Amino acid sequence: MKRFWVTAFLSICLLSCDSAEDRKGRFLLKGNTKLAEGDLKGAIKFYEEAIGVDKEFEDAWLNKGVAHQKLRNFDQAIRDFTQALRIRPDFPEAFYQRSLAHLDFGENYKAISDAESLIRLEPDHPKGHFLLGLAQTELKTYDQALQAFNTAVSMDGENPEPLANRATVKYYMGNFEEALGDLDKAERLDPSESNIYNLRSLIFFEKGNFESAIEEVDKAISLQPQQAYYHNNRGLYKLFLGHLEEGIEDINYSLKQNSRNLFALRNKGIYHSLKGEEETARKYLQEVADKDPEIPLVKDFL
């Protein structure tokens, strides 16, 4: 992210007084400090102070958007990034952040458009190709996603993120051994990345190795104890091992974090099916089938 450097000039005043450049720079730095501390609303206030001094201050618009994005105010974040790009149309970081916000907001085609703009601005940088891979994965166009991640990996083979995401695409395509190879490389580069272990657990589950699946997802939970998706996956594995009550405890925890998670609703349906509670099971499973009939296991249990 571009840093703002305070500029000095000779004042015609006899008294020493702050320039607009000084003031907006101080507000930006204070906002950045709040952002780093996790005080997102405090950061936004300082960025707004900076914008009040200079409405064309693209860095303040950019960082305000980042703060809103962290607060999951995606529509406002997109508006902020768009303002930064209006001021500076060749602002790579603004395209990057807006593409991420579009992804979080479910606007995958807009995310692709920003990723392509970033690639045109920085053709030798992997970030645009990485974003393109994320968006194509969301659209389930896996061949194109794989191509984008292959490019990102070739440009930056020491970054675990493209490797882990390429492994995700290979998992969706059923190329489990290739996916495990990418995960092993990613783990060597960054053993603290929790999604590596979660994805490996999903592959073990698909291979019918439920105990190894639990071992791997436990590693993910140890790194991110409150991640609802990890608890939901562990709950599913426990169901298949016959530990129904332990499994539903994890699944209910996940649903408390996100009551609209279709995979958690599916797993709750599976729990009731395994308990022999057919009517309740059908209610959950049919709800999931109506919203996304392609989710695995739903048709089997219905």
Protein backbone atom coordinates (compact mmCIF):
# COMPACT_ATOMS: atom_id res chain seq x y z
CA MET A 1 0.00 0.00 0.00
CA LYS A 2 1.35 3.39 -0.95
CA ARG A 3 2.62 5.44 1.93
CA PHE A 4 2.01 9.15 2.21
CA TRP A 5 5.01 11.35 2.70
CA VAL A 6 4.44 14.70 4.35
CA THR A 7 5.74 17.56 2.26
CA ALA A 8 6.98 20.85 3.61
CA PHE A 9 6.81 24.26 2.05
CA LEU A 10 7.71 27.82 2.95
CA SER A 11 4.80 29.61 4.57
CA ILE A 12 4.17 33.26 4.01
CA CYS A 13 2.84 33.39 7.55
CA LEU A 14 5.12 34.63 10.29
CA LEU A 15 3.65 31.99 12.61
CA SER A 16 4.37 28.30 12.02
CA CYS A 17 1.10 26.76 10.87
CA ASP A 18 0.06 23.33 9.63
CA SER A 19 -0.38 22.82 5.92
CA ALA A 20 -3.25 20.78 4.49
CA GLU A 21 -0.67 18.21 3.42
CA ASP A 22 0.56 17.88 7.00
CA ARG A 23 -2.95 17.53 8.42
CA LYS A 24 -4.21 14.94 5.99
CA GLY A 25 -0.97 12.98 6.34
CA ARG A 26 -1.31 12.89 10.12
CA PHE A 27 -4.93 11.75 9.88
CA LEU A 28 -3.90 8.99 7.47
CA LEU A 29 -1.14 7.76 9.77
CA LYS A 30 -3.47 7.81 12.77
CA GLY A 31 -6.01 5.86 10.78
CA ASN A 32 -3.38 3.32 9.78
CA THR A 33 -2.41 2.88 13.43
CA LYS A 34 -6.03 2.23 14.39
CA LEU A 35 -6.38 -0.19 11.49
CA ALA A 36 -3.32 -2.14 12.63
CA GLU A 37 -4.73 -2.25 16.18
CA GLY A 38 -8.04 -3.61 14.95
CA ASP A 39 -10.02 -0.50 15.85
CA LEU A 40 -11.77 -0.36 12.48
CA LYS A 41 -14.38 2.26 13.32
CA GLY A 42 -11.69 4.49 14.83
CA ALA A 43 -9.62 4.07 11.68
CA ILE A 44 -12.56 5.07 9.50
CA LYS A 45 -13.05 8.28 11.49
CA PHE A 46 -9.44 9.33 10.88
CA TYR A 47 -9.64 8.48 7.18
CA GLU A 48 -12.78 10.59 6.94
CA GLU A 49 -10.91 13.45 8.63
CA ALA A 50 -8.18 13.12 5.99
CA ILE A 51 -10.77 13.14 3.21
CA GLY A 52 -12.36 16.20 4.79
CA VAL A 53 -9.05 18.00 4.29
CA ASP A 54 -8.58 16.68 0.75
CA LYS A 55 -11.46 14.96 -1.06
CA GLU A 56 -9.01 13.78 -3.74
CA PHE A 57 -6.80 11.87 -1.28
CA GLU A 58 -6.81 8.44 -2.90
CA ASP A 59 -4.87 6.68 -0.14
CA ALA A 60 -7.45 7.68 2.47
CA TRP A 61 -10.28 6.39 0.26
CA LEU A 62 -8.39 3.15 -0.27
CA ASN A 63 -7.69 2.53 3.40
CA LYS A 64 -11.23 3.51 4.41
CA GLY A 65 -12.43 0.85 1.99
CA VAL A 66 -10.11 -1.72 3.58
CA ALA A 67 -11.54 -0.91 7.03
CA HIS A 68 -15.12 -1.24 5.74
CA GLN A 69 -14.20 -4.52 4.07
CA LYS A 70 -12.90 -5.90 7.37
CA LEU A 71 -16.22 -4.83 8.94
CA ARG A 72 -17.98 -6.75 6.11
CA ASN A 73 -19.55 -3.54 4.84
CA PHE A 74 -18.78 -4.68 1.31
CA ASP A 75 -21.03 -2.27 -0.57
CA GLN A 76 -19.45 0.71 1.19
CA ALA A 77 -15.95 -0.72 0.69
CA ILE A 78 -16.63 -1.03 -3.05
CA ARG A 79 -17.77 2.61 -3.18
CA ASP A 80 -14.59 3.72 -1.40
CA PHE A 81 -12.33 1.77 -3.75
CA THR A 82 -14.25 3.17 -6.71
CA GLN A 83 -13.59 6.70 -5.41
CA ALA A 84 -9.87 5.91 -5.16
CA LEU A 85 -9.93 4.69 -8.78
CA ARG A 86 -11.82 7.75 -9.95
CA ILE A 87 -8.99 9.88 -8.57
CA ARG A 88 -6.25 7.55 -9.79
CA PRO A 89 -7.42 5.22 -12.58
CA ASP A 90 -4.11 3.30 -12.62
CA PHE A 91 -4.14 2.41 -8.89
CA PRO A 92 -3.23 -1.32 -8.71
CA GLU A 93 -3.98 -1.75 -5.00
CA ALA A 94 -7.46 -0.28 -5.44
CA PHE A 95 -8.23 -2.76 -8.23
CA TYR A 96 -6.92 -5.58 -6.02
CA GLN A 97 -8.98 -4.60 -2.99
CA ARG A 98 -12.13 -3.89 -5.02
CA SER A 99 -11.85 -7.28 -6.70
CA LEU A 100 -11.67 -8.94 -3.27
CA ALA A 101 -14.69 -6.93 -2.09
CA HIS A 102 -16.67 -7.96 -5.17
CA LEU A 103 -15.80 -11.59 -4.39
CA ASP A 104 -16.96 -11.21 -0.79
CA PHE A 105 -20.15 -9.54 -2.03
CA GLY A 106 -20.85 -12.36 -4.48
CA GLU A 107 -20.19 -10.22 -7.56
CA ASN A 108 -17.88 -12.67 -9.29
CA TYR A 109 -17.97 -11.19 -12.79
CA LYS A 110 -17.10 -7.75 -11.46
CA ALA A 111 -14.24 -9.36 -9.52
CA ILE A 112 -12.99 -10.86 -12.79
CA SER A 113 -13.15 -7.47 -14.50
CA ASP A 114 -11.02 -5.86 -11.78
CA ALA A 115 -8.58 -8.79 -11.82
CA GLU A 116 -8.14 -8.36 -15.56
CA SER A 117 -7.56 -4.62 -15.10
CA LEU A 118 -4.89 -5.43 -12.52
CA ILE A 119 -3.23 -7.89 -14.91
CA ARG A 120 -3.09 -5.19 -17.59
CA LEU A 121 -1.51 -2.76 -15.12
CA GLU A 122 0.94 -5.30 -13.65
CA PRO A 123 1.31 -8.16 -16.15
CA ASP A 124 4.35 -9.62 -14.36
CA HIS A 125 2.73 -9.67 -10.90
CA PRO A 126 0.84 -12.77 -9.67
CA LYS A 127 -1.88 -10.93 -7.71
CA GLY A 128 -4.19 -10.38 -10.68
CA HIS A 129 -3.95 -14.01 -11.77
CA PHE A 130 -4.56 -15.11 -8.16
CA LEU A 131 -7.75 -13.02 -8.02
CA LEU A 132 -8.83 -14.39 -11.38
CA GLY A 133 -8.40 -17.92 -10.02
CA LEU A 134 -10.51 -17.12 -6.94
CA ALA A 135 -13.35 -15.71 -9.04
CA GLN A 136 -13.30 -18.58 -11.54
CA THR A 137 -13.39 -21.03 -8.62
CA GLU A 138 -16.51 -19.33 -7.28
CA LEU A 139 -18.08 -19.64 -10.73
CA LYS A 140 -17.07 -23.33 -10.82
CA THR A 141 -15.19 -22.83 -14.08
CA TYR A 142 -12.40 -24.99 -12.77
CA ASP A 143 -10.29 -25.32 -15.92
CA GLN A 144 -9.95 -21.54 -16.12
CA ALA A 145 -9.34 -21.29 -12.37
CA LEU A 146 -6.57 -23.90 -12.61
CA GLN A 147 -4.94 -22.00 -15.48
CA ALA A 148 -4.99 -18.75 -13.47
CA PHE A 149 -3.49 -20.38 -10.38
CA ASN A 150 -0.85 -22.15 -12.50
CA THR A 151 0.24 -18.73 -13.75
CA ALA A 152 0.31 -17.28 -10.23
CA VAL A 153 2.37 -20.22 -8.95
CA SER A 154 4.83 -19.92 -11.84
CA MET A 155 5.34 -16.24 -10.99
CA ASP A 156 5.72 -16.74 -7.22
CA GLY A 157 6.46 -20.32 -6.26
CA GLU A 158 7.36 -19.33 -2.69
CA ASN A 159 3.88 -18.05 -1.88
CA PRO A 160 1.68 -20.73 -0.25
CA GLU A 161 -1.64 -19.03 -1.12
CA PRO A 162 -1.73 -19.83 -4.86
CA LEU A 163 -0.60 -23.37 -4.09
CA ALA A 164 -3.32 -23.91 -1.49
CA ASN A 165 -5.98 -22.46 -3.77
CA ARG A 166 -4.76 -24.52 -6.72
CA ALA A 167 -5.08 -27.55 -4.45
CA THR A 168 -8.69 -26.53 -3.76
CA VAL A 169 -9.46 -26.49 -7.49
CA LYS A 170 -7.81 -29.88 -7.96
CA TYR A 171 -9.89 -31.20 -5.05
CA TYR A 172 -13.09 -29.99 -6.74
CA MET A 173 -11.93 -31.63 -9.97
CA GLY A 174 -11.31 -34.93 -8.16
CA ASN A 175 -7.51 -34.83 -8.61
CA PHE A 176 -6.86 -35.72 -4.97
CA GLU A 177 -3.23 -36.85 -5.22
CA GLU A 178 -2.19 -33.73 -7.12
CA ALA A 179 -4.05 -31.62 -4.56
CA LEU A 180 -2.21 -33.34 -1.70
CA GLY A 181 1.09 -32.61 -3.43
CA ASP A 182 0.28 -28.90 -3.59
CA LEU A 183 -0.78 -28.92 0.06
CA ASP A 184 2.50 -30.54 1.11
CA LYS A 185 4.43 -27.77 -0.68
CA ALA A 186 2.22 -25.08 0.85
CA GLU A 187 2.68 -26.53 4.33
CA ARG A 188 6.46 -26.46 3.98
CA LEU A 189 6.24 -22.78 3.03
CA ASP A 190 3.77 -21.81 5.78
CA PRO A 191 2.78 -24.45 8.35
CA SER A 192 0.60 -21.89 10.15
CA GLU A 193 -1.97 -21.68 7.31
CA SER A 194 -5.03 -23.44 8.73
CA ASN A 195 -6.82 -24.02 5.43
CA ILE A 196 -4.06 -26.40 4.34
CA TYR A 197 -5.10 -28.87 7.05
CA ASN A 198 -8.83 -28.32 6.51
CA LEU A 199 -8.56 -29.08 2.80
CA ARG A 200 -6.39 -32.11 3.47
CA SER A 201 -9.08 -33.34 5.89
CA LEU A 202 -11.71 -33.03 3.14
CA ILE A 203 -9.58 -35.13 0.81
CA PHE A 204 -9.11 -37.82 3.47
CA PHE A 205 -12.89 -37.80 4.00
CA GLU A 206 -13.47 -38.36 0.28
CA LYS A 207 -11.02 -41.26 0.42
CA GLY A 208 -12.97 -42.77 3.36
CA ASN A 209 -10.20 -42.17 5.91
CA PHE A 210 -12.36 -40.48 8.54
CA GLU A 211 -9.92 -40.72 11.44
CA SER A 212 -7.14 -39.02 9.46
CA ALA A 213 -9.68 -36.41 8.37
CA ILE A 214 -10.38 -35.58 12.02
CA GLU A 215 -6.65 -35.41 12.81
CA GLU A 216 -6.13 -32.88 10.04
CA VAL A 217 -9.15 -30.70 10.82
CA ASP A 218 -8.13 -30.68 14.49
CA LYS A 219 -4.88 -29.03 13.37
CA ALA A 220 -6.88 -26.42 11.49
CA ILE A 221 -9.08 -25.76 14.55
CA SER A 222 -6.02 -25.42 16.79
CA LEU A 223 -4.86 -22.57 14.51
CA GLN A 224 -8.33 -20.98 14.11
CA PRO A 225 -10.50 -22.18 17.01
CA GLN A 226 -13.58 -20.14 16.07
CA GLN A 227 -13.70 -20.97 12.35
CA ALA A 228 -17.23 -22.30 11.83
CA TYR A 229 -16.44 -24.23 8.64
CA TYR A 230 -13.77 -26.30 10.37
CA HIS A 231 -16.13 -27.29 13.18
CA ASN A 232 -18.80 -28.20 10.64
CA ASN A 233 -16.39 -30.47 8.77
CA ARG A 234 -15.28 -32.15 11.99
CA GLY A 235 -18.92 -32.71 12.87
CA LEU A 236 -19.50 -34.47 9.55
CA TYR A 237 -16.49 -36.74 10.04
CA LYS A 238 -17.70 -37.67 13.51
CA LEU A 239 -21.11 -38.58 12.13
CA PHE A 240 -19.49 -41.00 9.69
CA LEU A 241 -17.51 -42.54 12.55
CA GLY A 242 -20.75 -43.06 14.47
CA HIS A 243 -20.12 -40.36 17.08
CA LEU A 244 -23.46 -38.71 16.45
CA GLU A 245 -23.82 -36.53 19.54
CA GLU A 246 -20.25 -35.25 19.32
CA GLY A 247 -20.83 -34.54 15.66
CA ILE A 248 -24.03 -32.54 16.13
CA GLU A 249 -22.32 -30.45 18.79
CA ASP A 250 -19.77 -29.26 16.20
CA ILE A 251 -22.47 -28.77 13.56
CA ASN A 252 -24.66 -26.69 15.88
CA TYR A 253 -21.66 -24.56 16.80
CA SER A 254 -21.12 -23.88 13.12
CA LEU A 255 -24.78 -22.97 12.58
CA LYS A 256 -24.66 -20.49 15.45
CA GLN A 257 -21.86 -18.69 13.61
CA ASN A 258 -23.65 -18.82 10.25
CA SER A 259 -27.23 -20.08 10.19
CA ARG A 260 -27.32 -19.95 6.36
CA ASN A 261 -24.39 -22.32 5.79
CA LEU A 262 -25.92 -24.93 3.49
CA PHE A 263 -23.22 -27.48 4.29
CA ALA A 264 -24.01 -27.23 8.00
CA LEU A 265 -27.74 -27.57 7.30
CA ARG A 266 -26.96 -30.61 5.14
CA ASN A 267 -24.93 -32.12 7.96
CA LYS A 268 -27.77 -31.54 10.41
CA GLY A 269 -30.04 -33.38 8.01
CA ILE A 270 -27.54 -36.25 7.85
CA TYR A 271 -27.45 -36.37 11.66
CA HIS A 272 -31.24 -36.74 11.89
CA SER A 273 -31.18 -39.32 9.10
CA LEU A 274 -28.61 -41.42 10.96
CA LYS A 275 -30.75 -41.07 14.11
CA GLY A 276 -33.72 -42.46 12.18
CA GLU A 277 -35.64 -39.18 12.43
CA GLU A 278 -36.74 -39.18 8.82
CA GLU A 279 -39.20 -36.28 8.76
CA THR A 280 -36.76 -33.88 10.43
CA ALA A 281 -33.94 -35.09 8.21
CA ARG A 282 -36.05 -34.55 5.08
CA LYS A 283 -36.87 -30.98 6.15
CA TYR A 284 -33.20 -29.98 6.36
CA LEU A 285 -32.05 -31.91 3.32
CA GLN A 286 -34.86 -30.64 1.11
CA GLU A 287 -34.10 -27.04 2.07
CA VAL A 288 -30.51 -27.54 0.96
CA ALA A 289 -31.54 -29.35 -2.23
CA ASP A 290 -33.90 -26.51 -3.16
CA LYS A 291 -31.11 -23.94 -2.81
CA ASP A 292 -28.18 -25.92 -4.25
CA PRO A 293 -28.96 -29.44 -5.52
CA GLU A 294 -25.31 -30.03 -6.45
CA ILE A 295 -24.04 -30.12 -2.84
CA PRO A 296 -22.56 -33.60 -2.28
CA LEU A 297 -24.39 -36.22 -0.17
CA VAL A 298 -27.74 -34.40 -0.26
CA LYS A 299 -29.28 -36.64 -2.95
CA ASP A 300 -27.84 -39.75 -1.29
CA PHE A 301 -29.51 -39.05 2.04
CA LEU A 302 -32.76 -37.77 0.56
